[in-house]
PDB file of N, CA and C in Angstrom:
ATOM      1  N   UNK A   1      97.965  91.772  82.886  1.00  0.00           N
ATOM      2  CA  UNK A   1      98.944  92.043  83.921  1.00  0.00           C
ATOM      3  C   UNK A   1      99.776  93.256  83.521  1.00  0.00           C
ATOM      4  N   UNK A   2      99.859  94.249  84.401  1.00  0.00           N
ATOM      5  CA  UNK A   2     100.612  95.460  84.089  1.00  0.00           C
ATOM      6  C   UNK A   2     102.106  95.207  84.290  1.00  0.00           C
ATOM      7  N   UNK A   3     102.939  95.905  83.533  1.00  0.00           N
ATOM      8  CA  UNK A   3     104.383  95.701  83.673  1.00  0.00           C
ATOM      9  C   UNK A   3     104.880  96.195  85.038  1.00  0.00           C
ATOM     10  N   UNK A   4     105.895  95.526  85.525  1.00  0.00           N
ATOM     11  CA  UNK A   4     106.491  95.884  86.810  1.00  0.00           C
ATOM     12  C   UNK A   4     107.309  97.159  86.633  1.00  0.00           C
ATOM     13  N   UNK A   5     107.216  98.105  87.598  1.00  0.00           N
ATOM     14  CA  UNK A   5     108.004  99.335  87.466  1.00  0.00           C
ATOM     15  C   UNK A   5     109.506  99.047  87.601  1.00  0.00           C
ATOM     16  N   UNK A   6     110.292  99.835  86.904  1.00  0.00           N
ATOM     17  CA  UNK A   6     111.747  99.692  86.978  1.00  0.00           C
ATOM     18  C   UNK A   6     112.232 100.564  88.127  1.00  0.00           C
ATOM     19  N   UNK A   7     112.921  99.959  89.063  1.00  0.00           N
ATOM     20  CA  UNK A   7     113.414 100.672  90.234  1.00  0.00           C
ATOM     21  C   UNK A   7     114.902 100.921  90.098  1.00  0.00           C
ATOM     22  N   UNK A   8     115.387 101.894  90.875  1.00  0.00           N
ATOM     23  CA  UNK A   8     116.818 102.209  90.844  1.00  0.00           C
ATOM     24  C   UNK A   8     117.647 100.998  91.254  1.00  0.00           C
ATOM     25  N   UNK A   9     117.155 100.244  92.218  1.00  0.00           N
ATOM     26  CA  UNK A   9     117.909  99.057  92.656  1.00  0.00           C
ATOM     27  C   UNK A   9     117.998  98.022  91.539  1.00  0.00           C
ATOM     28  N   UNK A  10     116.970  97.949  90.692  1.00  0.00           N
ATOM     29  CA  UNK A  10     117.028  97.040  89.542  1.00  0.00           C
ATOM     30  C   UNK A  10     118.136  97.467  88.579  1.00  0.00           C
ATOM     31  N   UNK A  11     118.217  98.765  88.329  1.00  0.00           N
ATOM     32  CA  UNK A  11     119.250  99.266  87.421  1.00  0.00           C
ATOM     33  C   UNK A  11     120.642  99.014  87.981  1.00  0.00           C
ATOM     34  N   UNK A  12     120.810  99.280  89.281  1.00  0.00           N
ATOM     35  CA  UNK A  12     122.115  99.069  89.918  1.00  0.00           C
ATOM     36  C   UNK A  12     122.496  97.596  89.852  1.00  0.00           C
ATOM     37  N   UNK A  13     121.529  96.731  90.154  1.00  0.00           N
ATOM     38  CA  UNK A  13     121.802  95.295  90.111  1.00  0.00           C
ATOM     39  C   UNK A  13     122.148  94.863  88.695  1.00  0.00           C
ATOM     40  N   UNK A  14     121.433  95.366  87.701  1.00  0.00           N
ATOM     41  CA  UNK A  14     121.692  95.005  86.309  1.00  0.00           C
ATOM     42  C   UNK A  14     123.075  95.470  85.865  1.00  0.00           C
ATOM     43  N   UNK A  15     123.428  96.715  86.231  1.00  0.00           N
ATOM     44  CA  UNK A  15     124.739  97.239  85.838  1.00  0.00           C
ATOM     45  C   UNK A  15     125.848  96.453  86.533  1.00  0.00           C
ATOM     46  N   UNK A  16     125.619  96.092  87.797  1.00  0.00           N
ATOM     47  CA  UNK A  16     126.625  95.336  88.541  1.00  0.00           C
ATOM     48  C   UNK A  16     126.782  93.938  87.953  1.00  0.00           C
ATOM     49  N   UNK A  17     125.638  93.263  87.754  1.00  0.00           N
ATOM     50  CA  UNK A  17     125.702  91.887  87.258  1.00  0.00           C
ATOM     51  C   UNK A  17     124.348  91.506  86.667  1.00  0.00           C
ATOM     52  N   UNK A  18     124.324  91.272  85.363  1.00  0.00           N
ATOM     53  CA  UNK A  18     123.063  90.908  84.716  1.00  0.00           C
ATOM     54  C   UNK A  18     122.504  89.603  85.270  1.00  0.00           C
ATOM     55  N   UNK A  19     123.381  88.689  85.617  1.00  0.00           N
ATOM     56  CA  UNK A  19     122.926  87.398  86.141  1.00  0.00           C
ATOM     57  C   UNK A  19     122.257  87.585  87.510  1.00  0.00           C
ATOM     58  N   UNK A  20     122.838  88.440  88.349  1.00  0.00           N
ATOM     59  CA  UNK A  20     122.233  88.715  89.660  1.00  0.00           C
ATOM     60  C   UNK A  20     120.847  89.347  89.479  1.00  0.00           C
ATOM     61  N   UNK A  21     120.732  90.232  88.499  1.00  0.00           N
ATOM     62  CA  UNK A  21     119.441  90.867  88.214  1.00  0.00           C
ATOM     63  C   UNK A  21     118.415  89.817  87.790  1.00  0.00           C
ATOM     64  N   UNK A  22     118.836  88.905  86.913  1.00  0.00           N
ATOM     65  CA  UNK A  22     117.938  87.864  86.444  1.00  0.00           C
ATOM     66  C   UNK A  22     117.508  86.956  87.596  1.00  0.00           C
ATOM     67  N   UNK A  23     118.468  86.570  88.450  1.00  0.00           N
ATOM     68  CA  UNK A  23     118.122  85.735  89.610  1.00  0.00           C
ATOM     69  C   UNK A  23     117.109  86.445  90.500  1.00  0.00           C
ATOM     70  N   UNK A  24     117.301  87.723  90.675  1.00  0.00           N
ATOM     71  CA  UNK A  24     116.373  88.489  91.513  1.00  0.00           C
ATOM     72  C   UNK A  24     114.975  88.499  90.901  1.00  0.00           C
ATOM     73  N   UNK A  25     114.890  88.650  89.581  1.00  0.00           N
ATOM     74  CA  UNK A  25     113.586  88.607  88.906  1.00  0.00           C
ATOM     75  C   UNK A  25     112.920  87.242  89.050  1.00  0.00           C
ATOM     76  N   UNK A  26     113.730  86.191  89.095  1.00  0.00           N
ATOM     77  CA  UNK A  26     113.190  84.838  89.214  1.00  0.00           C
ATOM     78  C   UNK A  26     112.778  84.502  90.644  1.00  0.00           C
ATOM     79  N   UNK A  27     113.117  85.388  91.592  1.00  0.00           N
ATOM     80  CA  UNK A  27     112.704  85.180  92.973  1.00  0.00           C
ATOM     81  C   UNK A  27     113.734  84.494  93.845  1.00  0.00           C
ATOM     82  N   UNK A  28     114.939  84.315  93.353  1.00  0.00           N
ATOM     83  CA  UNK A  28     115.984  83.704  94.170  1.00  0.00           C
ATOM     84  C   UNK A  28     116.447  84.696  95.235  1.00  0.00           C
ATOM     85  N   UNK A  29     116.692  84.203  96.420  1.00  0.00           N
ATOM     86  CA  UNK A  29     117.143  85.063  97.524  1.00  0.00           C
ATOM     87  C   UNK A  29     118.618  85.418  97.342  1.00  0.00           C
ATOM     88  N   UNK A  30     118.957  86.629  97.714  1.00  0.00           N
ATOM     89  CA  UNK A  30     120.341  87.079  97.640  1.00  0.00           C
ATOM     90  C   UNK A  30     121.113  86.553  98.841  1.00  0.00           C
ATOM     91  N   UNK A  31     122.388  86.308  98.646  1.00  0.00           N
ATOM     92  CA  UNK A  31     123.230  85.881  99.759  1.00  0.00           C
ATOM     93  C   UNK A  31     123.764  87.079 100.540  1.00  0.00           C
ATOM     94  N   UNK A  32     123.419  88.269 100.113  1.00  0.00           N
ATOM     95  CA  UNK A  32     123.923  89.504 100.705  1.00  0.00           C
ATOM     96  C   UNK A  32     122.820  90.199 101.508  1.00  0.00           C
ATOM     97  N   UNK A  33     122.035  89.438 102.241  1.00  0.00           N
ATOM     98  CA  UNK A  33     120.863  90.009 102.902  1.00  0.00           C
ATOM     99  C   UNK A  33     121.212  90.978 104.020  1.00  0.00           C
ATOM    100  N   UNK A  34     122.313  90.749 104.724  1.00  0.00           N
ATOM    101  CA  UNK A  34     122.657  91.662 105.825  1.00  0.00           C
ATOM    102  C   UNK A  34     122.960  93.061 105.307  1.00  0.00           C
ATOM    103  N   UNK A  35     123.696  93.150 104.209  1.00  0.00           N
ATOM    104  CA  UNK A  35     123.991  94.458 103.628  1.00  0.00           C
ATOM    105  C   UNK A  35     122.725  95.100 103.057  1.00  0.00           C
ATOM    106  N   UNK A  36     121.856  94.286 102.470  1.00  0.00           N
ATOM    107  CA  UNK A  36     120.620  94.823 101.916  1.00  0.00           C
ATOM    108  C   UNK A  36     119.717  95.356 103.029  1.00  0.00           C
ATOM    109  N   UNK A  37     119.645  94.645 104.141  1.00  0.00           N
ATOM    110  CA  UNK A  37     118.835  95.121 105.263  1.00  0.00           C
ATOM    111  C   UNK A  37     119.413  96.396 105.850  1.00  0.00           C
ATOM    112  N   UNK A  38     120.730  96.458 105.949  1.00  0.00           N
ATOM    113  CA  UNK A  38     121.371  97.677 106.449  1.00  0.00           C
ATOM    114  C   UNK A  38     121.084  98.846 105.513  1.00  0.00           C
ATOM    115  N   UNK A  39     121.078  98.600 104.216  1.00  0.00           N
ATOM    116  CA  UNK A  39     120.755  99.650 103.244  1.00  0.00           C
ATOM    117  C   UNK A  39     119.316 100.113 103.375  1.00  0.00           C
ATOM    118  N   UNK A  40     118.402  99.181 103.615  1.00  0.00           N
ATOM    119  CA  UNK A  40     116.998  99.554 103.794  1.00  0.00           C
ATOM    120  C   UNK A  40     116.818 100.405 105.042  1.00  0.00           C
ATOM    121  N   UNK A  41     117.495 100.039 106.132  1.00  0.00           N
ATOM    122  CA  UNK A  41     117.416 100.823 107.368  1.00  0.00           C
ATOM    123  C   UNK A  41     117.986 102.220 107.133  1.00  0.00           C
ATOM    124  N   UNK A  42     119.127 102.284 106.443  1.00  0.00           N
ATOM    125  CA  UNK A  42     119.736 103.585 106.159  1.00  0.00           C
ATOM    126  C   UNK A  42     118.808 104.456 105.321  1.00  0.00           C
ATOM    127  N   UNK A  43     118.207 103.883 104.280  1.00  0.00           N
ATOM    128  CA  UNK A  43     117.328 104.666 103.410  1.00  0.00           C
ATOM    129  C   UNK A  43     116.067 105.116 104.134  1.00  0.00           C
ATOM    130  N   UNK A  44     115.539 104.280 105.005  1.00  0.00           N
ATOM    131  CA  UNK A  44     114.361 104.683 105.777  1.00  0.00           C
ATOM    132  C   UNK A  44     114.704 105.838 106.709  1.00  0.00           C
ATOM    133  N   UNK A  45     115.846 105.749 107.383  1.00  0.00           N
ATOM    134  CA  UNK A  45     116.274 106.832 108.279  1.00  0.00           C
ATOM    135  C   UNK A  45     116.536 108.109 107.486  1.00  0.00           C
ATOM    136  N   UNK A  46     117.141 107.973 106.329  1.00  0.00           N
ATOM    137  CA  UNK A  46     117.417 109.143 105.497  1.00  0.00           C
ATOM    138  C   UNK A  46     116.121 109.790 105.023  1.00  0.00           C
ATOM    139  N   UNK A  47     115.155 108.961 104.669  1.00  0.00           N
ATOM    140  CA  UNK A  47     113.860 109.503 104.247  1.00  0.00           C
ATOM    141  C   UNK A  47     113.210 110.326 105.345  1.00  0.00           C
ATOM    142  N   UNK A  48     113.270 109.842 106.576  1.00  0.00           N
ATOM    143  CA  UNK A  48     112.706 110.619 107.697  1.00  0.00           C
ATOM    144  C   UNK A  48     113.481 111.906 107.925  1.00  0.00           C
ATOM    145  N   UNK A  49     114.823 111.870 107.766  1.00  0.00           N
ATOM    146  CA  UNK A  49     115.611 113.103 107.930  1.00  0.00           C
ATOM    147  C   UNK A  49     115.237 114.128 106.861  1.00  0.00           C
ATOM    148  N   UNK A  50     115.039 113.675 105.646  1.00  0.00           N
ATOM    149  CA  UNK A  50     114.631 114.582 104.565  1.00  0.00           C
ATOM    150  C   UNK A  50     113.250 115.159 104.861  1.00  0.00           C
ATOM    151  N   UNK A  51     112.327 114.314 105.321  1.00  0.00           N
ATOM    152  CA  UNK A  51     110.983 114.773 105.669  1.00  0.00           C
ATOM    153  C   UNK A  51     111.046 115.842 106.768  1.00  0.00           C
ATOM    154  N   UNK A  52     111.817 115.578 107.822  1.00  0.00           N
ATOM    155  CA  UNK A  52     111.934 116.546 108.915  1.00  0.00           C
ATOM    156  C   UNK A  52     112.572 117.848 108.434  1.00  0.00           C
ATOM    157  N   UNK A  53     113.575 117.743 107.578  1.00  0.00           N
ATOM    158  CA  UNK A  53     114.236 118.943 107.065  1.00  0.00           C
ATOM    159  C   UNK A  53     113.261 119.793 106.254  1.00  0.00           C
ATOM    160  N   UNK A  54     112.465 119.155 105.419  1.00  0.00           N
ATOM    161  CA  UNK A  54     111.483 119.911 104.625  1.00  0.00           C
ATOM    162  C   UNK A  54     110.397 120.508 105.509  1.00  0.00           C
ATOM    163  N   UNK A  55     109.998 119.772 106.541  1.00  0.00           N
ATOM    164  CA  UNK A  55     109.007 120.291 107.481  1.00  0.00           C
ATOM    165  C   UNK A  55     109.551 121.510 108.213  1.00  0.00           C
ATOM    166  N   UNK A  56     110.792 121.429 108.666  1.00  0.00           N
ATOM    167  CA  UNK A  56     111.411 122.572 109.338  1.00  0.00           C
ATOM    168  C   UNK A  56     111.596 123.749 108.387  1.00  0.00           C
ATOM    169  N   UNK A  57     111.892 123.464 107.136  1.00  0.00           N
ATOM    170  CA  UNK A  57     112.030 124.528 106.146  1.00  0.00           C
ATOM    171  C   UNK A  57     110.701 125.247 105.943  1.00  0.00           C
ATOM    172  N   UNK A  58     109.611 124.481 105.844  1.00  0.00           N
ATOM    173  CA  UNK A  58     108.293 125.103 105.695  1.00  0.00           C
ATOM    174  C   UNK A  58     107.929 125.899 106.944  1.00  0.00           C
ATOM    175  N   UNK A  59     108.268 125.370 108.109  1.00  0.00           N
ATOM    176  CA  UNK A  59     108.022 126.086 109.352  1.00  0.00           C
ATOM    177  C   UNK A  59     108.810 127.391 109.377  1.00  0.00           C
ATOM    178  N   UNK A  60     110.044 127.352 108.931  1.00  0.00           N
ATOM    179  CA  UNK A  60     110.872 128.558 108.865  1.00  0.00           C
ATOM    180  C   UNK A  60     110.280 129.605 107.937  1.00  0.00           C
ATOM    181  N   UNK A  61     109.805 129.176 106.763  1.00  0.00           N
ATOM    182  CA  UNK A  61     109.168 130.120 105.836  1.00  0.00           C
ATOM    183  C   UNK A  61     107.899 130.701 106.455  1.00  0.00           C
ATOM    184  N   UNK A  62     107.151 129.875 107.187  1.00  0.00           N
ATOM    185  CA  UNK A  62     105.941 130.366 107.854  1.00  0.00           C
ATOM    186  C   UNK A  62     106.266 131.406 108.909  1.00  0.00           C
ATOM    187  N   UNK A  63     107.297 131.157 109.710  1.00  0.00           N
ATOM    188  CA  UNK A  63     107.713 132.124 110.740  1.00  0.00           C
ATOM    189  C   UNK A  63     108.179 133.413 110.074  1.00  0.00           C
ATOM    190  N   UNK A  64     108.918 133.307 108.994  1.00  0.00           N
ATOM    191  CA  UNK A  64     109.369 134.506 108.274  1.00  0.00           C
ATOM    192  C   UNK A  64     108.180 135.295 107.737  1.00  0.00           C
ATOM    193  N   UNK A  65     107.189 134.614 107.198  1.00  0.00           N
ATOM    194  CA  UNK A  65     105.997 135.288 106.689  1.00  0.00           C
ATOM    195  C   UNK A  65     105.256 136.015 107.806  1.00  0.00           C
ATOM    196  N   UNK A  66     105.102 135.354 108.949  1.00  0.00           N
ATOM    197  CA  UNK A  66     104.429 135.981 110.089  1.00  0.00           C
ATOM    198  C   UNK A  66     105.211 137.199 110.554  1.00  0.00           C
ATOM    199  N   UNK A  67     106.537 137.094 110.603  1.00  0.00           N
ATOM    200  CA  UNK A  67     107.362 138.222 111.023  1.00  0.00           C
ATOM    201  C   UNK A  67     107.230 139.392 110.051  1.00  0.00           C
ATOM    202  N   UNK A  68     107.212 139.098 108.752  1.00  0.00           N
ATOM    203  CA  UNK A  68     107.055 140.177 107.764  1.00  0.00           C
ATOM    204  C   UNK A  68     105.677 140.822 107.864  1.00  0.00           C
ATOM    205  N   UNK A  69     104.645 140.026 108.071  1.00  0.00           N
ATOM    206  CA  UNK A  69     103.303 140.592 108.238  1.00  0.00           C
ATOM    207  C   UNK A  69     103.224 141.448 109.494  1.00  0.00           C
ATOM    208  N   UNK A  70     103.864 141.016 110.570  1.00  0.00           N
ATOM    209  CA  UNK A  70     103.887 141.806 111.796  1.00  0.00           C
ATOM    210  C   UNK A  70     104.637 143.112 111.565  1.00  0.00           C
ATOM    211  N   UNK A  71     105.726 143.068 110.832  1.00  0.00           N
ATOM    212  CA  UNK A  71     106.485 144.281 110.520  1.00  0.00           C
ATOM    213  C   UNK A  71     105.657 145.252 109.686  1.00  0.00           C
ATOM    214  N   UNK A  72     104.953 144.752 108.710  1.00  0.00           N
ATOM    215  CA  UNK A  72     104.080 145.599 107.889  1.00  0.00           C
ATOM    216  C   UNK A  72     102.971 146.193 108.748  1.00  0.00           C
ATOM    217  N   UNK A  73     102.365 145.388 109.619  1.00  0.00           N
ATOM    218  CA  UNK A  73     101.302 145.891 110.501  1.00  0.00           C
ATOM    219  C   UNK A  73     101.830 146.978 111.421  1.00  0.00           C
ATOM    220  N   UNK A  74     103.020 146.781 111.980  1.00  0.00           N
ATOM    221  CA  UNK A  74     103.609 147.807 112.845  1.00  0.00           C
ATOM    222  C   UNK A  74     103.888 149.091 112.059  1.00  0.00           C
ATOM    223  N   UNK A  75     104.371 148.945 110.832  1.00  0.00           N
ATOM    224  CA  UNK A  75     104.648 150.124 110.012  1.00  0.00           C
ATOM    225  C   UNK A  75     103.357 150.861 109.691  1.00  0.00           C
ATOM    226  N   UNK A  76     102.298 150.141 109.367  1.00  0.00           N
ATOM    227  CA  UNK A  76     101.012 150.770 109.058  1.00  0.00           C
ATOM    228  C   UNK A  76     100.481 151.486 110.285  1.00  0.00           C
ATOM    229  N   UNK A  77     100.515 150.861 111.447  1.00  0.00           N
ATOM    230  CA  UNK A  77     100.038 151.487 112.667  1.00  0.00           C
ATOM    231  C   UNK A  77     100.883 152.718 113.038  1.00  0.00           C
ATOM    232  N   UNK A  78     102.177 152.668 112.771  1.00  0.00           N
ATOM    233  CA  UNK A  78     103.065 153.796 113.072  1.00  0.00           C
ATOM    234  C   UNK A  78     102.725 154.996 112.195  1.00  0.00           C
ATOM    235  N   UNK A  79     102.508 154.758 110.890  1.00  0.00           N
ATOM    236  CA  UNK A  79     102.239 155.867 109.994  1.00  0.00           C
ATOM    237  C   UNK A  79     100.806 156.397 110.118  1.00  0.00           C
ATOM    238  N   UNK A  80      99.879 155.534 110.503  1.00  0.00           N
ATOM    239  CA  UNK A  80      98.493 155.993 110.645  1.00  0.00           C
ATOM    240  C   UNK A  80      98.237 156.640 112.004  1.00  0.00           C
ATOM    241  N   UNK A  81      99.126 156.474 112.891  1.00  0.00           N
ATOM    242  CA  UNK A  81      98.960 157.146 114.175  1.00  0.00           C
ATOM    243  C   UNK A  81      98.673 156.160 115.208  1.00  0.00           C
TER     244      UNK A  81
END
């Protein structure tokens, strides 16, 4: 059996309360499920915002590259006649 990966939430839970961390490892349900679900929804939404931002950034770099290539082509055509 391979070891379980250590997640950031495990570290936060351990730092907050070692007993809560141990209960979580044993499979006991948390009494704070509404806040945990809200956190999961927030993190999922944030992940999509980051994905969209990076996609738009790549699109912006692509548009800039096309514009620079067009500028170079226009300059070459201007100087060659």
